[in-house]
Structures are given as C-alpha cells and as structure tokens.
Protein backbone atom coordinates (compact mmCIF):
# COMPACT_ATOMS: atom_id res chain seq x y z
CA UNK A 1 113.09 44.90 95.88
CA UNK A 2 113.86 42.99 99.07
CA UNK A 3 110.26 43.56 100.20
CA UNK A 4 108.66 40.97 97.96
CA UNK A 5 109.80 42.13 94.51
CA UNK A 6 111.21 39.41 92.34
CA UNK A 7 113.17 41.12 89.56
CA UNK A 8 116.56 39.58 89.05
CA UNK A 9 119.84 41.39 89.39
CA UNK A 10 122.29 40.48 86.63
CA UNK A 11 125.94 41.39 87.09
CA UNK A 12 127.96 41.70 83.94
CA UNK A 13 131.38 43.15 83.17
CA UNK A 14 134.88 42.06 82.35
CA UNK A 15 136.58 39.17 84.13
CA UNK A 16 138.07 40.10 87.49
CA UNK A 17 135.55 42.83 88.29
CA UNK A 18 134.02 40.90 91.20
CA UNK A 19 130.77 39.62 89.70
CA UNK A 20 130.75 36.33 91.60
CA UNK A 21 131.93 37.71 94.94
CA UNK A 22 129.60 40.71 94.84
CA UNK A 23 126.77 38.56 93.48
CA UNK A 24 126.91 36.25 96.48
CA UNK A 25 126.76 39.25 98.83
CA UNK A 26 123.81 40.77 96.96
CA UNK A 27 121.90 37.48 96.91
CA UNK A 28 122.31 37.12 100.65
CA UNK A 29 121.22 40.71 101.31
CA UNK A 30 118.19 40.44 99.02
CA UNK A 31 117.17 36.93 100.05
CA UNK A 32 117.58 35.79 96.43
CA UNK A 33 119.16 32.67 95.00
CA UNK A 34 122.60 33.10 93.45
CA UNK A 35 123.58 31.72 90.03
CA UNK A 36 127.05 32.01 88.52
CA UNK A 37 126.67 31.17 84.84
CA UNK A 38 130.30 30.04 84.52
CA UNK A 39 129.80 27.63 87.43
CA UNK A 40 126.67 26.23 85.75
CA UNK A 41 128.60 25.73 82.52
CA UNK A 42 131.49 24.05 84.33
CA UNK A 43 129.08 21.71 86.15
CA UNK A 44 127.70 20.65 82.78
CA UNK A 45 130.77 20.58 80.55
CA UNK A 46 133.94 20.74 82.67
CA UNK A 47 136.53 23.47 83.29
CA UNK A 48 136.24 26.48 81.00
CA UNK A 49 139.82 26.21 79.65
CA UNK A 50 139.05 22.62 78.61
CA UNK A 51 135.75 23.70 77.01
CA UNK A 52 137.63 26.28 74.93
CA UNK A 53 140.18 23.62 73.97
CA UNK A 54 137.51 21.06 73.00
CA UNK A 55 134.80 23.28 71.53
CA UNK A 56 136.45 26.62 70.89
CA UNK A 57 134.94 29.95 71.81
CA UNK A 58 131.84 29.39 69.62
CA UNK A 59 131.03 26.20 71.56
CA UNK A 60 131.45 28.01 74.86
CA UNK A 61 129.18 30.84 73.70
CA UNK A 62 126.50 28.31 72.77
CA UNK A 63 126.72 26.88 76.30
CA UNK A 64 126.17 30.43 77.62
CA UNK A 65 123.06 30.73 75.44
CA UNK A 66 121.78 27.43 76.80
CA UNK A 67 122.20 28.68 80.37
CA UNK A 68 120.42 31.94 79.48
CA UNK A 69 117.52 29.97 78.01
CA UNK A 70 117.32 27.97 81.24
CA UNK A 71 117.26 31.10 83.39
CA UNK A 72 114.75 32.98 81.23
CA UNK A 73 111.55 33.69 83.07
CA UNK A 74 112.92 32.80 86.49
CA UNK A 75 112.85 35.51 89.13
CA UNK A 76 114.34 36.18 92.55
CA UNK A 77 117.89 35.59 91.31
CA UNK A 78 121.20 37.36 91.41
CA UNK A 79 123.05 36.17 88.32
CA UNK A 80 126.78 36.62 87.80
CA UNK A 81 127.46 36.22 84.09
CA UNK A 82 130.56 35.46 82.12
CA UNK A 83 132.29 38.62 80.90
CA UNK A 84 130.83 38.57 77.40
CA UNK A 85 127.51 36.87 78.03
CA UNK A 86 125.29 39.97 78.21
CA UNK A 87 126.89 41.30 75.01
CA UNK A 88 125.40 38.32 73.15
CA UNK A 89 122.01 39.44 71.75
CA UNK A 90 120.29 36.13 72.51
CA UNK A 91 121.54 36.00 76.11
CA UNK A 92 120.58 39.61 76.70
CA UNK A 93 117.12 39.08 75.20
CA UNK A 94 116.56 36.13 77.54
CA UNK A 95 117.82 37.73 80.76
CA UNK A 96 117.10 41.47 80.51
CA UNK A 97 113.28 41.42 80.55
CA UNK A 98 113.17 40.22 84.18
CA UNK A 99 116.32 41.93 85.43
CA UNK A 100 118.18 44.99 86.50
CA UNK A 101 121.53 44.64 84.70
CA UNK A 102 124.58 46.20 86.32
CA UNK A 103 128.04 46.29 84.76
CA UNK A 104 130.94 46.10 87.20
CA UNK A 105 134.01 47.93 85.91
CA UNK A 106 137.71 47.94 86.74
CA UNK A 107 140.81 49.28 85.05
CA UNK A 108 143.03 46.94 83.07
CA UNK A 109 145.65 47.14 85.83
CA UNK A 110 143.16 46.19 88.54
CA UNK A 111 141.78 43.41 86.36
CA UNK A 112 145.22 41.87 85.83
CA UNK A 113 146.04 42.15 89.53
CA UNK A 114 142.80 40.39 90.50
CA UNK A 115 143.04 37.67 87.85
CA UNK A 116 146.59 36.65 88.64
CA UNK A 117 147.55 33.73 86.38
CA UNK A 118 146.19 34.76 82.99
CA UNK A 119 147.11 31.35 81.53
CA UNK A 120 143.99 29.98 83.26
CA UNK A 121 141.81 32.41 81.28
CA UNK A 122 141.43 31.22 77.67
CA UNK A 123 141.00 34.71 76.23
CA UNK A 124 144.10 35.95 78.09
CA UNK A 125 146.39 32.98 77.53
CA UNK A 126 148.54 35.03 75.14
CA UNK A 127 152.07 36.45 75.08
CA UNK A 128 150.99 39.99 76.04
CA UNK A 129 148.05 39.62 78.43
CA UNK A 130 148.02 43.33 79.50
CA UNK A 131 147.60 44.43 75.88
CA UNK A 132 144.92 41.81 75.33
CA UNK A 133 142.99 43.01 78.41
CA UNK A 134 143.07 46.61 77.14
CA UNK A 135 142.00 45.44 73.66
CA UNK A 136 139.05 43.41 75.00
CA UNK A 137 137.96 46.24 77.31
CA UNK A 138 137.98 48.62 74.34
CA UNK A 139 136.03 46.15 72.17
CA UNK A 140 133.39 45.69 74.87
CA UNK A 141 133.15 49.29 76.10
CA UNK A 142 130.14 50.22 73.97
CA UNK A 143 128.23 47.07 74.90
CA UNK A 144 128.98 47.41 78.60
CA UNK A 145 128.12 51.09 78.40
CA UNK A 146 124.43 50.42 77.88
CA UNK A 147 124.07 49.02 81.40
CA UNK A 148 124.04 50.68 84.81
CA UNK A 149 127.71 51.04 85.75
CA UNK A 150 129.52 50.55 89.07
CA UNK A 151 133.28 51.03 89.36
CA UNK A 152 135.08 48.49 91.55
CA UNK A 153 138.63 49.88 91.64
CA UNK A 154 139.81 50.37 95.20
CA UNK A 155 136.55 49.04 96.67
CA UNK A 156 135.84 46.06 98.88
CA UNK A 157 133.18 43.60 97.72
CA UNK A 158 130.80 44.96 100.39
CA UNK A 159 131.36 48.51 99.13
CA UNK A 160 130.62 47.40 95.58
CA UNK A 161 127.45 45.63 96.76
CA UNK A 162 126.44 48.85 98.57
CA UNK A 163 127.02 50.82 95.36
CA UNK A 164 124.97 48.36 93.29
CA UNK A 165 122.09 48.52 95.73
CA UNK A 166 122.26 52.33 95.79
CA UNK A 167 122.26 52.51 91.97
CA UNK A 168 119.19 50.24 91.91
CA UNK A 169 117.44 52.10 94.72
CA UNK A 170 117.40 49.09 97.02
C-alpha cells in the first residue's frame, strides 16, 4: 500500500483501544493523511460531552454520519473513528468501499485503565462504569467481529501498528 496504493485504513473499536495514537503512527508510516473523526466533530460542534448534553446521542450520531459523508470517496487516509461509528450502517457504507477496516480490541479492564476519568466519556458517565463497559463491549461484539481484529492488551502503540500492518500485508 505504501508504494502508491491509496486505499484508506479505518481504525474502529471501543474507546480506549488506541485508535488515535495508532492511527497517527500508521499515517506517518504509510505517508497518508490522518483524520480522527471525533476531532473533526469537536472542531465543528464543540467538546463531545457538551454535544451529548445539547443534542443527545442521536445528534452526535448524525454528526458522525456527516463526517463519513465528507470522507467518502477520499483516499490516502488513515481514519480513527469514534467507537460506534463503523457500526452505523450509513457510516460503514460511506467508508468501507475505499478502506481496509481494522478493529482494535482491548479487555474491559485495559479499557478502563486507559480511559481514566470515565465522567468525561458520555456513555460511561454512570454509577457503575466497569459494568457499562462490559455491557457495551458485549452489545458491539458482533458488529466489531466483522472487521479484521487486532488485540491491543499489553502492547505498545508501535507494536499495535506493526500488527495492523502485518494483518493488512503492508
């Protein structure tokens, strides 16, 4: 791919799996541009917790669809998506045709350790965040399971990037 190919690499997976960090590494290695969909949304509409407060989850999901529409057809990108974005049929239909989609995985324990303050994550700002993480991982398992999978537990970002490239044959 680095030798002139232009297919995108889309990183999906639950929050805290390293999509942004690994995505930046992959983009540099491949000579691609890097796009973090959450950063694009925040640049347009403000901090994600405030978006959820103002517009609710449905409003946030519509912003994700808008970003996907804007990225559709572009190539030479590494795209780090929000944790649920590629489970949305419209977003997936927009991004998958020009991409290799890789799901980064981590255990609930690793996820919580990496996230830290769950109050800053609208979907985890609940009384029992560990239970909520396990519940969301279970809900999303089937959707995430349709993508190429790379485990991130116990790995450095460079090791995860190596694993992604190996899985994609790059």
